[in-house]
Amino acid sequence: MKIYRHVFAAVFVIYGLFTLNVCWAQRELPDFTELVEKQGAAVVNISTTQAVKRQNILQMPQIDEDDPLYDLFRRFLPRPPGAAPGQRAPERAPESRSLGSGFVISADGYILTNAHVIDGADEITVRFNDKREFKARTIGTDKRSDVALIKIEATGLASVRLGDPARLKVGEWVLAIGSPFGFENSVTAGIVSAKGRSLPQENFVPFIQTDVAINPGNSGGPLFNMRGEVVGINSQIYSRTGGFMGLSFAIPIDVAMDVQGQLRSKGKVSRGRIGVVIQEVTRELADSFGLPKPAGALVNQVERASPADKAGIEALDVILKFDGKPIESSSDLPRIVGATRPGASVPVVILRKGTQREINVTVAELQEDRIAGREPTKNNKPAPEVAATRLGIVVSELSAEQKREQKLSYGLLINEVKPEAKGDFRRGDVLLTLVHKGTQTELRSVEQLNRLLQPLDKNATVTLHVRRGERSAFISVSGLSD
């Protein structure tokens, strides 16, 4: 009897463990079927056509076959494919087609997609998963955010529900619906890998990074959370092969909706600007400026007569807050400034010479892309060589002519960079300021520079404000020569 009781207990335990495992698996692996059934009807396939200019090539002229010259032309000049002998090339130019995705945001036919999906399109065709097709017109595009708004003439359409990207958590499940390689309404899923990503040449979008499989044709399609809400527009991937490699990036839907609202009402997007060139605050820079941690945006150049210049912002300032929003990384500042209404007067918290202060800046409107600067020009008049400093560079004081040319009242010109130099210095750079432990000193003589460096420990970190051509930057050096 005892044996049966033990056997029954063992079976009960095994069954319990099996049930727990099944429940655990069901709880951990989500079921996307209901989400796809409800939201798939609002996702569309977008195809575009664009006329391509026919190349000017020599073609077979209209010559009768009995003409003695016919055989000569036939041998050496191409004939249009499928054309009869002597027939001219067709007048109609060929067309290129591109495929992308989009989604309906209102029942009256407004659709969001990527700007690059419809760029240069002469005709846009929207296709639903029930095979209905509509011709669409462009309401507006914004290349800076890669968002486009198009419209079809239809009513009573199924539309998506919008979510809040701020509520997204890293590790949360997300799902994409789109048309990779033209395969309509394909569903892929993954997790949020990171938030607020900055990408090269993309200053105005805090991208959502996921590992959802995205391929050509998915662009412009929606990214859903598990509540069936759109939280982003799938925009681009990082790849070494051209195909998916586990790094996908989506535009947060709140950014996209702000853009489409401006496109719908004004036909363009207005962004703010204050006229500063900034760089990231590294750990070495934070140590030099006396910051407790690497944060903020370091101003290395202020555009003359810009809003920042008028407000009193200077090079070497560290912008810590803009309009009450903390600047954790330098990439935060362009996004926050860009989202600020032009004409608004906003408070800006800066760190200057170890002291925080607040100033007001009146934001201007960003009109066009600006080039940061040019490469430095060569100096035709070499300065006399001076002994190398503990930085491993040979410097000299600026001549009166050099000061006039560069519009500077002080600075030290780098004439030579020794092999032992640890900073990213270049011949022709001009050292403007030395920063150490929050103390900033304008450099006016070689003797002064050596006097500042001489008492420092060989493991000390110093930062130099450097002019390079029309640009400027901060270079940190950890460790000084004996």
Protein backbone atom coordinates (compact mmCIF):
# COMPACT_ATOMS: atom_id res chain seq x y z
CA MET A 1 0.00 0.00 0.00
CA LYS A 2 2.86 2.31 0.84
CA ILE A 3 4.40 1.63 -2.56
CA TYR A 4 1.21 2.77 -4.32
CA ARG A 5 1.13 5.91 -2.24
CA HIS A 6 4.73 6.72 -3.22
CA VAL A 7 4.03 6.02 -6.89
CA PHE A 8 0.91 8.22 -6.79
CA ALA A 9 2.85 11.03 -5.09
CA ALA A 10 5.64 10.83 -7.68
CA VAL A 11 3.14 10.93 -10.55
CA PHE A 12 1.41 13.91 -8.95
CA VAL A 13 4.73 15.78 -8.59
CA ILE A 14 5.73 15.03 -12.18
CA TYR A 15 2.33 16.15 -13.44
CA GLY A 16 2.59 19.32 -11.37
CA LEU A 17 6.04 20.13 -12.73
CA PHE A 18 4.85 19.47 -16.29
CA THR A 19 1.84 21.77 -15.79
CA LEU A 20 4.07 24.49 -14.35
CA ASN A 21 6.45 24.22 -17.29
CA VAL A 22 3.58 24.48 -19.78
CA CYS A 23 2.13 27.49 -17.94
CA TRP A 24 5.58 29.09 -17.73
CA ALA A 25 6.15 28.55 -21.47
CA GLN A 26 2.71 29.95 -22.27
CA ARG A 27 3.37 32.96 -20.07
CA GLU A 28 6.81 33.66 -21.51
CA LEU A 29 6.13 33.05 -25.23
CA PRO A 30 3.45 35.46 -26.42
CA ASP A 31 0.70 34.64 -28.87
CA PHE A 32 0.60 37.22 -31.67
CA THR A 33 -2.33 35.78 -33.61
CA GLU A 34 -5.05 38.04 -32.19
CA LEU A 35 -2.91 41.15 -32.65
CA VAL A 36 -2.24 40.31 -36.30
CA GLU A 37 -5.91 39.54 -37.00
CA LYS A 38 -7.05 42.87 -35.56
CA GLN A 39 -4.29 45.15 -36.89
CA GLY A 40 -3.24 43.51 -40.17
CA ALA A 41 -6.06 45.15 -42.14
CA ALA A 42 -4.62 48.63 -41.43
CA VAL A 43 -1.17 47.79 -42.85
CA VAL A 44 -0.63 48.44 -46.55
CA ASN A 45 1.84 47.66 -49.28
CA ILE A 46 3.19 50.71 -51.14
CA SER A 47 4.61 50.59 -54.64
CA THR A 48 5.85 53.56 -56.62
CA THR A 49 6.79 54.26 -60.20
CA GLN A 50 9.25 56.81 -61.44
CA ALA A 51 9.99 57.71 -65.04
CA VAL A 52 13.59 57.10 -65.99
CA LYS A 53 15.26 59.24 -68.63
CA ARG A 54 16.16 57.22 -71.67
CA GLN A 55 19.87 57.24 -72.39
CA ASN A 56 21.01 58.95 -75.56
CA ILE A 57 22.53 56.12 -77.56
CA LEU A 58 23.06 55.64 -81.26
CA GLN A 59 20.22 53.60 -82.73
CA MET A 60 19.28 52.06 -86.02
CA PRO A 61 17.96 54.81 -88.34
CA GLN A 62 14.91 54.31 -90.53
CA ILE A 63 16.51 52.90 -93.66
CA ASP A 64 14.93 50.60 -96.21
CA GLU A 65 16.37 47.09 -96.26
CA ASP A 66 17.25 47.51 -99.95
CA ASP A 67 19.45 50.52 -99.18
CA PRO A 68 23.21 49.70 -99.51
CA LEU A 69 23.84 51.36 -96.12
CA TYR A 70 21.28 49.20 -94.31
CA ASP A 71 23.65 46.28 -93.75
CA LEU A 72 26.37 48.59 -92.40
CA PHE A 73 24.05 50.18 -89.82
CA ARG A 74 22.57 46.80 -88.91
CA ARG A 75 26.02 45.46 -88.05
CA PHE A 76 27.29 48.32 -85.93
CA LEU A 77 24.25 50.01 -84.38
CA PRO A 78 21.87 48.37 -81.89
CA ARG A 79 18.19 47.95 -82.64
CA PRO A 80 15.56 48.43 -79.94
CA PRO A 81 14.64 45.10 -78.31
CA GLY A 82 11.59 43.61 -80.03
CA ALA A 83 11.54 46.32 -82.71
CA ALA A 84 11.05 45.58 -86.38
CA PRO A 85 13.93 46.29 -88.78
CA GLY A 86 14.47 50.01 -89.12
CA GLN A 87 12.02 50.82 -86.32
CA ARG A 88 12.91 53.66 -83.90
CA ALA A 89 13.11 53.20 -80.14
CA PRO A 90 9.82 53.62 -78.30
CA GLU A 91 9.16 57.14 -77.04
CA ARG A 92 7.84 55.96 -73.64
CA ALA A 93 10.59 55.89 -71.01
CA PRO A 94 10.99 52.83 -68.82
CA GLU A 95 9.91 53.01 -65.19
CA SER A 96 11.52 52.02 -61.92
CA ARG A 97 9.45 50.53 -59.13
CA SER A 98 10.05 50.44 -55.40
CA LEU A 99 8.26 48.58 -52.67
CA GLY A 100 7.62 49.61 -49.09
CA SER A 101 5.01 49.50 -46.37
CA GLY A 102 2.73 51.91 -44.56
CA PHE A 103 -0.25 52.00 -42.21
CA VAL A 104 -3.57 53.82 -42.02
CA ILE A 105 -3.80 56.35 -39.18
CA SER A 106 -7.32 57.62 -39.88
CA ALA A 107 -10.46 56.14 -41.44
CA ASP A 108 -10.56 58.83 -44.13
CA GLY A 109 -7.39 57.59 -45.83
CA TYR A 110 -4.32 59.21 -44.26
CA ILE A 111 -1.33 56.85 -44.31
CA LEU A 112 2.12 57.09 -42.72
CA THR A 113 5.25 55.70 -44.33
CA ASN A 114 8.94 56.55 -44.76
CA ALA A 115 10.02 59.50 -46.86
CA HIS A 116 12.59 57.36 -48.66
CA VAL A 117 9.86 54.92 -49.76
CA ILE A 118 8.11 57.53 -51.93
CA ASP A 119 11.10 59.75 -52.73
CA GLY A 120 10.97 60.86 -56.36
CA ALA A 121 7.77 58.91 -57.09
CA ASP A 122 5.58 59.97 -60.01
CA GLU A 123 2.84 57.56 -59.01
CA ILE A 124 2.06 55.88 -55.67
CA THR A 125 -0.09 52.75 -55.40
CA VAL A 126 -1.47 51.55 -52.06
CA ARG A 127 -2.56 47.92 -51.81
CA PHE A 128 -4.52 46.41 -48.89
CA ASN A 129 -4.41 42.78 -47.80
CA ASP A 130 -7.93 42.27 -49.27
CA LYS A 131 -6.43 43.15 -52.71
CA ARG A 132 -8.02 46.62 -52.96
CA GLU A 133 -5.77 49.17 -54.67
CA PHE A 134 -5.80 52.96 -54.52
CA LYS A 135 -3.73 55.72 -56.06
CA ALA A 136 -2.29 57.99 -53.37
CA ARG A 137 -1.19 61.61 -53.37
CA THR A 138 1.61 63.01 -51.24
CA ILE A 139 0.59 65.41 -48.47
CA GLY A 140 4.16 66.06 -47.39
CA THR A 141 7.55 64.53 -46.67
CA ASP A 142 10.27 65.31 -44.13
CA LYS A 143 13.64 63.85 -45.05
CA ARG A 144 15.26 64.81 -41.74
CA SER A 145 12.99 62.44 -39.82
CA ASP A 146 12.29 60.14 -42.83
CA VAL A 147 8.52 60.50 -42.34
CA ALA A 148 5.98 60.91 -45.14
CA LEU A 149 2.20 61.42 -45.11
CA ILE A 150 0.13 60.27 -48.07
CA LYS A 151 -3.63 60.20 -48.71
CA ILE A 152 -6.01 57.92 -50.59
CA GLU A 153 -9.62 58.71 -51.45
CA ALA A 154 -11.47 56.24 -49.25
CA THR A 155 -13.63 56.19 -46.13
CA GLY A 156 -14.42 53.74 -43.36
CA LEU A 157 -10.92 52.27 -43.40
CA ALA A 158 -9.51 50.20 -40.55
CA SER A 159 -6.87 52.27 -38.77
CA VAL A 160 -4.22 51.52 -36.16
CA ARG A 161 -4.23 52.49 -32.50
CA LEU A 162 -1.30 54.61 -31.36
CA GLY A 163 0.79 53.87 -28.28
CA ASP A 164 3.24 55.77 -26.10
CA PRO A 165 6.91 55.01 -26.91
CA ALA A 166 7.90 56.46 -23.52
CA ARG A 167 6.23 53.46 -21.87
CA LEU A 168 8.29 50.98 -23.89
CA LYS A 169 10.78 49.00 -21.85
CA VAL A 170 13.99 47.42 -23.06
CA GLY A 171 13.36 43.69 -23.36
CA GLU A 172 9.65 44.11 -24.17
CA TRP A 173 8.15 42.10 -27.03
CA VAL A 174 7.32 44.00 -30.23
CA LEU A 175 6.00 42.97 -33.63
CA ALA A 176 6.36 44.28 -37.17
CA ILE A 177 4.01 43.86 -40.13
CA GLY A 178 5.20 44.77 -43.60
CA SER A 179 6.09 43.67 -47.11
CA PRO A 180 9.72 42.49 -47.14
CA PHE A 181 10.82 41.86 -50.74
CA GLY A 182 7.17 42.37 -51.75
CA PHE A 183 5.78 39.53 -49.60
CA GLU A 184 2.70 41.34 -48.30
CA ASN A 185 1.59 41.26 -44.65
CA SER A 186 4.61 39.38 -43.40
CA VAL A 187 4.85 39.26 -39.61
CA THR A 188 8.09 39.25 -37.61
CA ALA A 189 8.63 39.64 -33.87
CA GLY A 190 11.42 40.39 -31.42
CA ILE A 191 12.24 42.57 -28.45
CA VAL A 192 13.20 46.17 -27.81
CA SER A 193 17.00 46.20 -27.72
CA ALA A 194 17.52 49.85 -26.74
CA LYS A 195 15.81 53.25 -26.74
CA GLY A 196 16.91 56.74 -27.71
CA ARG A 197 19.55 55.58 -30.17
CA SER A 198 21.40 58.22 -32.19
CA LEU A 199 22.55 57.31 -35.68
CA PRO A 200 25.08 59.10 -37.90
CA GLN A 201 23.52 62.06 -39.74
CA GLU A 202 20.25 61.49 -37.86
CA ASN A 203 20.11 64.26 -35.23
CA PHE A 204 16.38 64.66 -34.76
CA VAL A 205 15.12 61.12 -34.07
CA PRO A 206 15.66 59.08 -30.87
CA PHE A 207 15.41 55.69 -32.57
CA ILE A 208 13.96 52.54 -31.02
CA GLN A 209 16.40 49.68 -31.60
CA THR A 210 14.95 46.17 -31.90
CA ASP A 211 16.00 42.74 -33.09
CA VAL A 212 12.82 42.33 -35.16
CA ALA A 213 13.68 40.97 -38.62
CA ILE A 214 13.43 43.92 -41.03
CA ASN A 215 14.31 43.69 -44.72
CA PRO A 216 13.86 45.80 -47.87
CA GLY A 217 10.11 46.38 -48.21
CA ASN A 218 9.49 46.62 -44.45
CA SER A 219 10.40 50.31 -44.52
CA GLY A 220 7.47 52.48 -43.46
CA GLY A 221 5.60 49.65 -41.77
CA PRO A 222 4.35 49.74 -38.16
CA LEU A 223 6.05 48.44 -35.03
CA PHE A 224 3.44 47.18 -32.51
CA ASN A 225 3.63 46.57 -28.79
CA MET A 226 1.78 43.65 -27.22
CA ARG A 227 -1.29 45.81 -26.60
CA GLY A 228 -1.74 46.16 -30.36
CA GLU A 229 -0.61 49.79 -30.39
CA VAL A 230 1.80 51.28 -32.93
CA VAL A 231 4.89 52.56 -31.13
CA GLY A 232 7.15 53.18 -34.12
CA ILE A 233 7.74 53.20 -37.88
CA ASN A 234 10.31 50.68 -39.07
CA SER A 235 12.86 52.81 -40.87
CA GLN A 236 16.30 51.27 -41.34
CA ILE A 237 18.70 48.51 -40.41
CA TYR A 238 22.40 48.22 -39.67
CA SER A 239 23.93 45.63 -41.96
CA ARG A 240 27.26 44.67 -43.51
CA THR A 241 25.54 42.49 -46.11
CA GLY A 242 22.45 44.49 -47.10
CA GLY A 243 20.21 42.00 -45.29
CA PHE A 244 18.96 41.74 -41.72
CA MET A 245 21.67 41.19 -39.08
CA GLY A 246 19.71 41.72 -35.86
CA LEU A 247 19.85 45.53 -35.67
CA SER A 248 16.67 47.35 -36.69
CA PHE A 249 15.67 50.94 -35.97
CA ALA A 250 12.21 52.46 -35.73
CA ILE A 251 11.07 56.09 -35.54
CA PRO A 252 9.05 56.63 -32.33
CA ILE A 253 5.40 57.18 -33.24
CA ASP A 254 5.11 60.38 -31.18
CA VAL A 255 7.90 61.93 -33.28
CA ALA A 256 6.20 60.74 -36.48
CA MET A 257 2.79 62.06 -35.43
CA ASP A 258 4.22 65.47 -34.62
CA VAL A 259 5.82 65.56 -38.07
CA GLN A 260 2.64 64.47 -39.87
CA GLY A 261 0.61 67.04 -37.96
CA GLN A 262 2.85 69.82 -39.24
CA LEU A 263 2.88 68.36 -42.76
CA ARG A 264 -0.92 68.23 -42.78
CA SER A 265 -1.41 71.76 -41.44
CA LYS A 266 1.55 73.64 -42.97
CA GLY A 267 3.03 71.36 -45.62
CA LYS A 268 6.45 71.51 -43.95
CA VAL A 269 8.13 70.88 -40.59
CA SER A 270 9.49 73.77 -38.50
CA ARG A 271 12.43 73.03 -36.21
CA GLY A 272 14.29 75.15 -33.73
CA ARG A 273 17.98 76.02 -33.74
CA ILE A 274 20.27 78.03 -31.47
CA GLY A 275 23.53 78.05 -33.47
CA VAL A 276 26.09 76.04 -31.53
CA VAL A 277 28.60 73.33 -32.47
CA ILE A 278 28.76 70.74 -29.71
CA GLN A 279 30.53 67.53 -28.82
CA GLU A 280 30.11 64.67 -26.38
CA VAL A 281 31.34 65.04 -22.80
CA THR A 282 33.68 62.09 -22.27
CA ARG A 283 34.90 60.92 -18.88
CA GLU A 284 38.19 62.76 -19.44
CA LEU A 285 36.36 65.97 -20.39
CA ALA A 286 34.07 65.64 -17.36
CA ASP A 287 37.14 65.36 -15.14
CA SER A 288 38.72 68.42 -16.76
CA PHE A 289 35.57 70.53 -16.36
CA GLY A 290 34.88 69.39 -12.81
CA LEU A 291 31.68 67.49 -13.63
CA PRO A 292 30.71 64.59 -11.33
CA LYS A 293 29.83 62.41 -14.34
CA PRO A 294 29.98 62.57 -18.17
CA ALA A 295 26.78 64.44 -19.08
CA GLY A 296 25.67 67.47 -21.04
CA ALA A 297 26.69 68.96 -24.37
CA LEU A 298 30.03 70.75 -24.56
CA VAL A 299 29.92 73.91 -26.69
CA ASN A 300 33.08 74.22 -28.79
CA GLN A 301 31.84 76.92 -31.17
CA VAL A 302 29.07 79.55 -31.20
CA GLU A 303 27.79 80.89 -34.50
CA ARG A 304 28.12 84.65 -34.69
CA ALA A 305 24.81 86.57 -34.24
CA SER A 306 22.99 83.29 -33.55
CA PRO A 307 20.41 82.91 -30.74
CA ALA A 308 23.07 81.32 -28.54
CA ASP A 309 25.49 84.17 -29.21
CA LYS A 310 22.84 86.80 -28.44
CA ALA A 311 21.93 85.01 -25.20
CA GLY A 312 25.56 84.93 -24.05
CA ILE A 313 26.42 81.26 -24.50
CA GLU A 314 30.17 80.83 -25.00
CA ALA A 315 32.61 78.17 -26.14
CA LEU A 316 33.65 75.98 -23.18
CA ASP A 317 30.14 76.15 -21.69
CA VAL A 318 28.53 72.79 -20.93
CA ILE A 319 24.76 72.77 -21.57
CA LEU A 320 23.16 70.68 -18.81
CA LYS A 321 19.45 71.45 -19.32
CA PHE A 322 17.39 72.92 -22.14
CA ASP A 323 13.84 74.09 -21.44
CA GLY A 324 13.84 72.08 -18.24
CA LYS A 325 14.90 68.84 -19.95
CA PRO A 326 18.19 67.28 -18.81
CA ILE A 327 20.88 66.76 -21.47
CA GLU A 328 22.30 63.34 -20.61
CA SER A 329 24.17 63.03 -23.91
CA SER A 330 25.17 65.62 -26.50
CA SER A 331 22.82 63.89 -28.98
CA ASP A 332 19.87 64.90 -26.78
CA LEU A 333 20.37 68.60 -27.47
CA PRO A 334 19.66 68.71 -31.26
CA ARG A 335 16.48 66.67 -30.75
CA ILE A 336 15.19 68.84 -27.91
CA VAL A 337 16.10 72.10 -29.63
CA GLY A 338 14.65 70.86 -32.94
CA ALA A 339 11.35 70.04 -31.24
CA THR A 340 11.13 73.52 -29.69
CA ARG A 341 8.83 76.01 -31.36
CA PRO A 342 10.78 78.72 -33.19
CA GLY A 343 10.35 82.05 -31.42
CA ALA A 344 10.01 80.50 -27.98
CA SER A 345 12.17 81.87 -25.14
CA VAL A 346 13.43 78.94 -23.08
CA PRO A 347 15.69 78.62 -20.01
CA VAL A 348 19.06 76.96 -20.52
CA VAL A 349 21.23 75.71 -17.63
CA ILE A 350 24.96 75.83 -18.38
CA LEU A 351 28.15 75.07 -16.49
CA ARG A 352 30.77 77.81 -16.89
CA LYS A 353 34.09 77.71 -15.06
CA GLY A 354 32.73 75.29 -12.49
CA THR A 355 29.58 77.31 -11.74
CA GLN A 356 26.05 76.59 -12.93
CA ARG A 357 23.96 79.46 -14.25
CA GLU A 358 20.67 79.84 -16.10
CA ILE A 359 20.13 82.02 -19.17
CA ASN A 360 17.21 82.47 -21.59
CA VAL A 361 17.58 81.74 -25.29
CA THR A 362 15.09 82.75 -27.99
CA VAL A 363 14.98 79.84 -30.42
CA ALA A 364 15.24 80.56 -34.17
CA GLU A 365 13.97 78.41 -37.04
CA LEU A 366 16.22 75.89 -38.74
CA GLN A 367 16.24 76.83 -42.41
CA GLU A 368 18.70 74.50 -44.08
CA ASP A 369 21.42 71.97 -43.44
CA ARG A 370 24.66 73.64 -42.48
CA ILE A 371 28.23 72.49 -43.16
CA ALA A 372 30.23 72.29 -39.96
CA GLY A 373 33.46 73.61 -41.43
CA ARG A 374 36.37 73.08 -43.77
CA GLU A 375 39.68 71.37 -43.41
CA PRO A 376 42.43 73.64 -42.16
CA THR A 377 44.37 75.58 -44.77
CA LYS A 378 48.11 75.43 -44.87
CA ASN A 379 50.03 78.26 -43.30
CA ASN A 380 52.41 79.76 -45.84
CA LYS A 381 54.58 81.41 -43.19
CA PRO A 382 56.08 78.80 -40.86
CA ALA A 383 56.65 80.05 -37.31
CA PRO A 384 59.99 79.59 -35.61
CA GLU A 385 60.26 76.24 -33.84
CA VAL A 386 59.93 76.17 -30.06
CA ALA A 387 60.82 73.30 -27.75
CA ALA A 388 58.20 70.58 -27.38
CA THR A 389 55.87 70.79 -24.38
CA ARG A 390 54.82 67.93 -22.08
CA LEU A 391 52.01 67.34 -24.58
CA GLY A 392 54.49 66.07 -27.19
CA ILE A 393 53.92 68.97 -29.58
CA VAL A 394 55.99 71.90 -30.85
CA VAL A 395 54.15 75.21 -30.62
CA SER A 396 54.71 78.91 -31.24
CA GLU A 397 52.81 82.10 -30.57
CA LEU A 398 50.59 83.48 -33.33
CA SER A 399 52.01 86.31 -35.38
CA ALA A 400 49.98 89.51 -35.86
CA GLU A 401 49.18 88.43 -39.42
CA GLN A 402 48.03 84.97 -38.30
CA LYS A 403 45.78 86.54 -35.67
CA ARG A 404 44.18 88.73 -38.33
CA GLU A 405 43.72 85.82 -40.73
CA GLN A 406 42.08 83.60 -38.09
CA LYS A 407 40.30 86.45 -36.29
CA LEU A 408 41.89 85.50 -32.97
CA SER A 409 43.39 87.64 -30.23
CA TYR A 410 45.40 84.79 -28.69
CA GLY A 411 46.41 81.15 -29.24
CA LEU A 412 49.41 78.89 -29.88
CA LEU A 413 50.10 77.37 -33.29
CA ILE A 414 51.15 73.71 -33.50
CA ASN A 415 54.17 73.43 -35.82
CA GLU A 416 55.01 69.79 -35.22
CA VAL A 417 53.46 66.73 -33.57
CA LYS A 418 56.03 64.41 -31.99
CA PRO A 419 55.63 60.61 -32.04
CA GLU A 420 55.09 60.60 -28.26
CA ALA A 421 52.07 62.95 -28.49
CA LYS A 422 49.01 61.27 -26.97
CA GLY A 423 46.28 63.64 -28.13
CA ASP A 424 44.75 63.85 -31.61
CA PHE A 425 46.72 66.98 -32.48
CA ARG A 426 47.57 68.04 -36.03
CA ARG A 427 50.06 70.44 -37.52
CA GLY A 428 48.28 73.76 -38.08
CA ASP A 429 45.94 73.40 -35.07
CA VAL A 430 45.70 76.41 -32.77
CA LEU A 431 45.53 75.82 -29.01
CA LEU A 432 43.09 78.31 -27.47
CA THR A 433 42.39 77.22 -23.90
CA LEU A 434 43.68 74.70 -21.37
CA VAL A 435 41.16 73.17 -18.95
CA HIS A 436 42.15 71.26 -15.81
CA LYS A 437 39.93 70.44 -12.82
CA GLY A 438 37.36 73.04 -13.89
CA THR A 439 39.91 75.84 -14.31
CA GLN A 440 40.04 77.40 -17.80
CA THR A 441 43.08 79.37 -18.95
CA GLU A 442 43.43 81.21 -22.26
CA LEU A 443 46.78 80.35 -23.88
CA ARG A 444 48.78 83.46 -24.85
CA SER A 445 52.41 82.31 -24.74
CA VAL A 446 54.54 79.18 -24.92
CA GLU A 447 56.08 80.04 -21.57
CA GLN A 448 52.62 80.24 -20.01
CA LEU A 449 51.63 76.82 -21.41
CA ASN A 450 54.76 75.14 -20.10
CA ARG A 451 54.28 76.84 -16.73
CA LEU A 452 50.74 75.43 -16.49
CA LEU A 453 51.83 71.92 -17.43
CA GLN A 454 55.05 71.73 -15.42
CA PRO A 455 53.59 71.08 -11.91
CA LEU A 456 50.98 68.53 -13.05
CA ASP A 457 51.32 64.84 -12.22
CA LYS A 458 52.36 62.66 -15.15
CA ASN A 459 49.01 60.81 -14.90
CA ALA A 460 46.96 64.04 -14.95
CA THR A 461 44.22 64.63 -17.52
CA VAL A 462 44.05 67.98 -19.30
CA THR A 463 41.75 69.23 -22.05
CA LEU A 464 42.72 71.64 -24.84
CA HIS A 465 40.25 73.76 -26.81
CA VAL A 466 41.60 73.60 -30.35
CA ARG A 467 40.79 75.58 -33.49
CA ARG A 468 41.14 73.49 -36.65
CA GLY A 469 40.43 75.51 -39.78
CA GLU A 470 36.96 76.97 -39.30
CA ARG A 471 36.01 74.29 -36.80
CA SER A 472 36.90 73.82 -33.17
CA ALA A 473 37.02 70.83 -30.85
CA PHE A 474 38.13 69.69 -27.41
CA ILE A 475 41.01 67.22 -27.14
CA SER A 476 41.68 65.43 -23.88
CA VAL A 477 45.13 64.12 -22.99
CA SER A 478 45.59 61.55 -20.23
CA GLY A 479 49.21 61.29 -19.14
CA LEU A 480 51.96 63.87 -19.71
CA SER A 481 55.53 63.43 -20.82
CA ASP A 482 58.27 63.85 -18.18
